[in-house]
């Protein structure tokens, strides 16, 4: 009979595996996006400045949609 510890270990490993798969998929979706959807870093502020946008306007990275 399988003990409760083995069941918990299997569940934890399954959750960890699914988390890793999700992160890999997200990484491939944002491979050409230098901001990767982030709206709060210095790189994003430089991109906004380059486009001439105001500080209060916080759009997604301008590379999205290309």
PDB file of N, CA and C in Angstrom:
ATOM      1  N   UNK A   1       0.837  -1.179   0.000  1.00  0.00           N
ATOM      2  CA  UNK A   1       0.000   0.000   0.000  1.00  0.00           C
ATOM      3  C   UNK A   1       0.886   1.246   0.000  1.00  0.00           C
ATOM      4  N   UNK A   2       0.525   2.198  -0.831  1.00  0.00           N
ATOM      5  CA  UNK A   2       1.300   3.432  -0.936  1.00  0.00           C
ATOM      6  C   UNK A   2       0.964   4.315   0.256  1.00  0.00           C
ATOM      7  N   UNK A   3       2.004   4.812   0.908  1.00  0.00           N
ATOM      8  CA  UNK A   3       1.817   5.674   2.063  1.00  0.00           C
ATOM      9  C   UNK A   3       1.430   7.084   1.669  1.00  0.00           C
ATOM     10  N   UNK A   4       0.915   7.819   2.627  1.00  0.00           N
ATOM     11  CA  UNK A   4       0.471   9.194   2.385  1.00  0.00           C
ATOM     12  C   UNK A   4       1.645  10.082   1.992  1.00  0.00           C
ATOM     13  N   UNK A   5       2.860   9.761   2.490  1.00  0.00           N
ATOM     14  CA  UNK A   5       4.032  10.564   2.132  1.00  0.00           C
ATOM     15  C   UNK A   5       4.318  10.470   0.636  1.00  0.00           C
ATOM     16  N   UNK A   6       4.204   9.283   0.067  1.00  0.00           N
ATOM     17  CA  UNK A   6       4.451   9.112  -1.360  1.00  0.00           C
ATOM     18  C   UNK A   6       3.418   9.859  -2.197  1.00  0.00           C
ATOM     19  N   UNK A   7       2.194   9.842  -1.756  1.00  0.00           N
ATOM     20  CA  UNK A   7       1.139  10.570  -2.469  1.00  0.00           C
ATOM     21  C   UNK A   7       1.425  12.068  -2.445  1.00  0.00           C
ATOM     22  N   UNK A   8       1.831  12.588  -1.282  1.00  0.00           N
ATOM     23  CA  UNK A   8       2.150  14.014  -1.175  1.00  0.00           C
ATOM     24  C   UNK A   8       3.362  14.378  -2.025  1.00  0.00           C
ATOM     25  N   UNK A   9       4.370  13.523  -2.047  1.00  0.00           N
ATOM     26  CA  UNK A   9       5.557  13.783  -2.872  1.00  0.00           C
ATOM     27  C   UNK A   9       5.181  13.797  -4.345  1.00  0.00           C
ATOM     28  N   UNK A  10       4.362  12.879  -4.775  1.00  0.00           N
ATOM     29  CA  UNK A  10       3.926  12.828  -6.175  1.00  0.00           C
ATOM     30  C   UNK A  10       3.142  14.082  -6.536  1.00  0.00           C
ATOM     31  N   UNK A  11       2.277  14.540  -5.657  1.00  0.00           N
ATOM     32  CA  UNK A  11       1.491  15.754  -5.912  1.00  0.00           C
ATOM     33  C   UNK A  11       2.408  16.969  -6.000  1.00  0.00           C
ATOM     34  N   UNK A  12       3.370  17.079  -5.090  1.00  0.00           N
ATOM     35  CA  UNK A  12       4.296  18.215  -5.101  1.00  0.00           C
ATOM     36  C   UNK A  12       5.149  18.196  -6.367  1.00  0.00           C
ATOM     37  N   UNK A  13       5.642  17.036  -6.757  1.00  0.00           N
ATOM     38  CA  UNK A  13       6.435  16.943  -7.985  1.00  0.00           C
ATOM     39  C   UNK A  13       5.612  17.271  -9.222  1.00  0.00           C
ATOM     40  N   UNK A  14       4.361  16.856  -9.247  1.00  0.00           N
ATOM     41  CA  UNK A  14       3.479  17.173 -10.370  1.00  0.00           C
ATOM     42  C   UNK A  14       3.241  18.679 -10.458  1.00  0.00           C
ATOM     43  N   UNK A  15       3.001  19.327  -9.332  1.00  0.00           N
ATOM     44  CA  UNK A  15       2.797  20.776  -9.312  1.00  0.00           C
ATOM     45  C   UNK A  15       4.066  21.487  -9.781  1.00  0.00           C
ATOM     46  N   UNK A  16       5.225  21.034  -9.310  1.00  0.00           N
ATOM     47  CA  UNK A  16       6.488  21.646  -9.732  1.00  0.00           C
ATOM     48  C   UNK A  16       6.710  21.471 -11.230  1.00  0.00           C
ATOM     49  N   UNK A  17       6.417  20.296 -11.751  1.00  0.00           N
ATOM     50  CA  UNK A  17       6.570  20.036 -13.182  1.00  0.00           C
ATOM     51  C   UNK A  17       5.655  20.941 -14.002  1.00  0.00           C
ATOM     52  N   UNK A  18       4.397  21.082 -13.587  1.00  0.00           N
ATOM     53  CA  UNK A  18       3.459  21.940 -14.306  1.00  0.00           C
ATOM     54  C   UNK A  18       3.892  23.405 -14.256  1.00  0.00           C
ATOM     55  N   UNK A  19       4.447  23.842 -13.128  1.00  0.00           N
ATOM     56  CA  UNK A  19       4.948  25.209 -12.996  1.00  0.00           C
ATOM     57  C   UNK A  19       6.100  25.455 -13.977  1.00  0.00           C
ATOM     58  N   UNK A  20       7.017  24.504 -14.065  1.00  0.00           N
ATOM     59  CA  UNK A  20       8.152  24.632 -14.986  1.00  0.00           C
ATOM     60  C   UNK A  20       7.667  24.676 -16.434  1.00  0.00           C
ATOM     61  N   UNK A  21       6.721  23.829 -16.778  1.00  0.00           N
ATOM     62  CA  UNK A  21       6.170  23.825 -18.142  1.00  0.00           C
ATOM     63  C   UNK A  21       5.527  25.167 -18.454  1.00  0.00           C
ATOM     64  N   UNK A  22       4.775  25.722 -17.514  1.00  0.00           N
ATOM     65  CA  UNK A  22       4.129  27.026 -17.718  1.00  0.00           C
ATOM     66  C   UNK A  22       5.175  28.120 -17.925  1.00  0.00           C
ATOM     67  N   UNK A  23       6.231  28.119 -17.136  1.00  0.00           N
ATOM     68  CA  UNK A  23       7.275  29.129 -17.269  1.00  0.00           C
ATOM     69  C   UNK A  23       8.008  29.013 -18.606  1.00  0.00           C
ATOM     70  N   UNK A  24       8.239  27.811 -19.077  1.00  0.00           N
ATOM     71  CA  UNK A  24       8.891  27.614 -20.374  1.00  0.00           C
ATOM     72  C   UNK A  24       7.988  28.118 -21.493  1.00  0.00           C
ATOM     73  N   UNK A  25       6.714  27.829 -21.416  1.00  0.00           N
ATOM     74  CA  UNK A  25       5.763  28.313 -22.424  1.00  0.00           C
ATOM     75  C   UNK A  25       5.724  29.838 -22.415  1.00  0.00           C
ATOM     76  N   UNK A  26       5.679  30.447 -21.225  1.00  0.00           N
ATOM     77  CA  UNK A  26       5.687  31.911 -21.128  1.00  0.00           C
ATOM     78  C   UNK A  26       6.971  32.497 -21.704  1.00  0.00           C
ATOM     79  N   UNK A  27       8.089  31.834 -21.480  1.00  0.00           N
ATOM     80  CA  UNK A  27       9.370  32.320 -22.006  1.00  0.00           C
ATOM     81  C   UNK A  27       9.367  32.305 -23.525  1.00  0.00           C
ATOM     82  N   UNK A  28       8.799  31.265 -24.133  1.00  0.00           N
ATOM     83  CA  UNK A  28       8.745  31.205 -25.589  1.00  0.00           C
ATOM     84  C   UNK A  28       7.759  32.215 -26.165  1.00  0.00           C
ATOM     85  N   UNK A  29       6.708  32.541 -25.438  1.00  0.00           N
ATOM     86  CA  UNK A  29       5.741  33.535 -25.922  1.00  0.00           C
ATOM     87  C   UNK A  29       6.348  34.936 -25.939  1.00  0.00           C
ATOM     88  N   UNK A  30       7.261  35.229 -25.024  1.00  0.00           N
ATOM     89  CA  UNK A  30       7.827  36.571 -24.910  1.00  0.00           C
ATOM     90  C   UNK A  30       9.281  36.612 -25.364  1.00  0.00           C
ATOM     91  N   UNK A  31       9.662  35.727 -26.257  1.00  0.00           N
ATOM     92  CA  UNK A  31      11.066  35.618 -26.665  1.00  0.00           C
ATOM     93  C   UNK A  31      11.576  36.875 -27.376  1.00  0.00           C
ATOM     94  N   UNK A  32      10.715  37.574 -28.114  1.00  0.00           N
ATOM     95  CA  UNK A  32      11.141  38.772 -28.839  1.00  0.00           C
ATOM     96  C   UNK A  32      10.696  40.053 -28.154  1.00  0.00           C
ATOM     97  N   UNK A  33      10.213  39.964 -26.935  1.00  0.00           N
ATOM     98  CA  UNK A  33       9.737  41.116 -26.176  1.00  0.00           C
ATOM     99  C   UNK A  33      10.742  41.432 -25.074  1.00  0.00           C
ATOM    100  N   UNK A  34      11.502  42.521 -25.178  1.00  0.00           N
ATOM    101  CA  UNK A  34      12.518  42.801 -24.171  1.00  0.00           C
ATOM    102  C   UNK A  34      11.934  43.066 -22.789  1.00  0.00           C
ATOM    103  N   UNK A  35      10.698  43.496 -22.723  1.00  0.00           N
ATOM    104  CA  UNK A  35      10.073  43.764 -21.423  1.00  0.00           C
ATOM    105  C   UNK A  35       9.373  42.530 -20.863  1.00  0.00           C
ATOM    106  N   UNK A  36       9.032  41.593 -21.685  1.00  0.00           N
ATOM    107  CA  UNK A  36       8.311  40.387 -21.294  1.00  0.00           C
ATOM    108  C   UNK A  36       7.019  40.721 -20.548  1.00  0.00           C
ATOM    109  N   UNK A  37       6.376  41.812 -20.954  1.00  0.00           N
ATOM    110  CA  UNK A  37       5.114  42.202 -20.352  1.00  0.00           C
ATOM    111  C   UNK A  37       5.244  43.045 -19.102  1.00  0.00           C
ATOM    112  N   UNK A  38       6.456  43.282 -18.617  1.00  0.00           N
ATOM    113  CA  UNK A  38       6.679  44.055 -17.399  1.00  0.00           C
ATOM    114  C   UNK A  38       6.444  45.535 -17.677  1.00  0.00           C
ATOM    115  N   UNK A  39       5.785  46.223 -16.755  1.00  0.00           N
ATOM    116  CA  UNK A  39       5.518  47.644 -16.942  1.00  0.00           C
ATOM    117  C   UNK A  39       6.207  48.500 -15.884  1.00  0.00           C
ATOM    118  N   UNK A  40       7.158  47.961 -15.138  1.00  0.00           N
ATOM    119  CA  UNK A  40       7.713  48.731 -14.049  1.00  0.00           C
ATOM    120  C   UNK A  40       9.230  48.829 -14.016  1.00  0.00           C
ATOM    121  N   UNK A  41       9.937  48.409 -15.032  1.00  0.00           N
ATOM    122  CA  UNK A  41      11.401  48.424 -14.971  1.00  0.00           C
ATOM    123  C   UNK A  41      11.971  49.646 -15.691  1.00  0.00           C
ATOM    124  N   UNK A  42      13.264  49.858 -15.539  1.00  0.00           N
ATOM    125  CA  UNK A  42      13.939  50.994 -16.170  1.00  0.00           C
ATOM    126  C   UNK A  42      13.939  50.861 -17.691  1.00  0.00           C
ATOM    127  N   UNK A  43      14.040  49.642 -18.195  1.00  0.00           N
ATOM    128  CA  UNK A  43      14.015  49.431 -19.644  1.00  0.00           C
ATOM    129  C   UNK A  43      12.682  49.899 -20.221  1.00  0.00           C
ATOM    130  N   UNK A  44      11.598  49.598 -19.528  1.00  0.00           N
ATOM    131  CA  UNK A  44      10.279  50.024 -20.003  1.00  0.00           C
ATOM    132  C   UNK A  44      10.183  51.540 -20.005  1.00  0.00           C
ATOM    133  N   UNK A  45      10.732  52.192 -18.968  1.00  0.00           N
ATOM    134  CA  UNK A  45      10.708  53.653 -18.925  1.00  0.00           C
ATOM    135  C   UNK A  45      11.506  54.255 -20.072  1.00  0.00           C
ATOM    136  N   UNK A  46      12.632  53.656 -20.428  1.00  0.00           N
ATOM    137  CA  UNK A  46      13.422  54.139 -21.557  1.00  0.00           C
ATOM    138  C   UNK A  46      12.668  53.964 -22.874  1.00  0.00           C
ATOM    139  N   UNK A  47      11.966  52.842 -23.007  1.00  0.00           N
ATOM    140  CA  UNK A  47      11.187  52.618 -24.227  1.00  0.00           C
ATOM    141  C   UNK A  47      10.057  53.633 -24.337  1.00  0.00           C
ATOM    142  N   UNK A  48       9.428  53.961 -23.206  1.00  0.00           N
ATOM    143  CA  UNK A  48       8.359  54.965 -23.219  1.00  0.00           C
ATOM    144  C   UNK A  48       8.928  56.328 -23.587  1.00  0.00           C
ATOM    145  N   UNK A  49      10.109  56.664 -23.048  1.00  0.00           N
ATOM    146  CA  UNK A  49      10.738  57.953 -23.338  1.00  0.00           C
ATOM    147  C   UNK A  49      11.083  58.041 -24.821  1.00  0.00           C
ATOM    148  N   UNK A  50      11.564  56.937 -25.383  1.00  0.00           N
ATOM    149  CA  UNK A  50      11.923  56.891 -26.800  1.00  0.00           C
ATOM    150  C   UNK A  50      10.698  57.144 -27.680  1.00  0.00           C
ATOM    151  N   UNK A  51       9.554  56.659 -27.238  1.00  0.00           N
ATOM    152  CA  UNK A  51       8.320  56.843 -28.017  1.00  0.00           C
ATOM    153  C   UNK A  51       7.651  58.174 -27.725  1.00  0.00           C
ATOM    154  N   UNK A  52       8.156  58.939 -26.721  1.00  0.00           N
ATOM    155  CA  UNK A  52       7.590  60.245 -26.387  1.00  0.00           C
ATOM    156  C   UNK A  52       6.309  60.150 -25.582  1.00  0.00           C
ATOM    157  N   UNK A  53       6.169  59.119 -24.780  1.00  0.00           N
ATOM    158  CA  UNK A  53       4.948  58.941 -23.989  1.00  0.00           C
ATOM    159  C   UNK A  53       5.109  59.560 -22.611  1.00  0.00           C
ATOM    160  N   UNK A  54       4.006  59.966 -22.036  1.00  0.00           N
ATOM    161  CA  UNK A  54       4.016  60.575 -20.713  1.00  0.00           C
ATOM    162  C   UNK A  54       4.206  59.515 -19.635  1.00  0.00           C
ATOM    163  N   UNK A  55       4.667  59.954 -18.455  1.00  0.00           N
ATOM    164  CA  UNK A  55       4.914  59.039 -17.340  1.00  0.00           C
ATOM    165  C   UNK A  55       3.630  58.384 -16.836  1.00  0.00           C
ATOM    166  N   UNK A  56       2.512  59.098 -16.858  1.00  0.00           N
ATOM    167  CA  UNK A  56       1.272  58.538 -16.314  1.00  0.00           C
ATOM    168  C   UNK A  56       0.637  57.513 -17.266  1.00  0.00           C
ATOM    169  N   UNK A  57       1.073  57.493 -18.499  1.00  0.00           N
ATOM    170  CA  UNK A  57       0.561  56.526 -19.466  1.00  0.00           C
ATOM    171  C   UNK A  57       1.444  55.290 -19.415  1.00  0.00           C
ATOM    172  N   UNK A  58       0.908  54.140 -19.004  1.00  0.00           N
ATOM    173  CA  UNK A  58       1.689  52.919 -18.828  1.00  0.00           C
ATOM    174  C   UNK A  58       1.193  51.810 -19.750  1.00  0.00           C
ATOM    175  N   UNK A  59       1.478  51.902 -21.067  1.00  0.00           N
ATOM    176  CA  UNK A  59       1.044  50.829 -21.966  1.00  0.00           C
ATOM    177  C   UNK A  59       1.963  49.631 -21.852  1.00  0.00           C
ATOM    178  N   UNK A  60       1.607  48.588 -22.537  1.00  0.00           N
ATOM    179  CA  UNK A  60       2.486  47.418 -22.619  1.00  0.00           C
ATOM    180  C   UNK A  60       3.684  47.773 -23.484  1.00  0.00           C
ATOM    181  N   UNK A  61       4.660  46.975 -23.458  1.00  0.00           N
ATOM    182  CA  UNK A  61       5.876  47.191 -24.234  1.00  0.00           C
ATOM    183  C   UNK A  61       5.536  47.394 -25.704  1.00  0.00           C
ATOM    184  N   UNK A  62       6.214  48.341 -26.344  1.00  0.00           N
ATOM    185  CA  UNK A  62       5.860  48.667 -27.720  1.00  0.00           C
ATOM    186  C   UNK A  62       6.211  47.554 -28.700  1.00  0.00           C
ATOM    187  N   UNK A  63       7.008  46.583 -28.298  1.00  0.00           N
ATOM    188  CA  UNK A  63       7.333  45.488 -29.192  1.00  0.00           C
ATOM    189  C   UNK A  63       6.225  44.454 -29.267  1.00  0.00           C
ATOM    190  N   UNK A  64       5.246  44.522 -28.394  1.00  0.00           N
ATOM    191  CA  UNK A  64       4.141  43.568 -28.440  1.00  0.00           C
ATOM    192  C   UNK A  64       3.347  43.804 -29.724  1.00  0.00           C
ATOM    193  N   UNK A  65       2.911  42.744 -30.309  1.00  0.00           N
ATOM    194  CA  UNK A  65       2.113  42.846 -31.503  1.00  0.00           C
ATOM    195  C   UNK A  65       2.917  42.839 -32.788  1.00  0.00           C
ATOM    196  N   UNK A  66       4.228  42.874 -32.668  1.00  0.00           N
ATOM    197  CA  UNK A  66       5.070  42.822 -33.876  1.00  0.00           C
ATOM    198  C   UNK A  66       5.319  41.401 -34.267  1.00  0.00           C
TER     199      UNK A  66
END
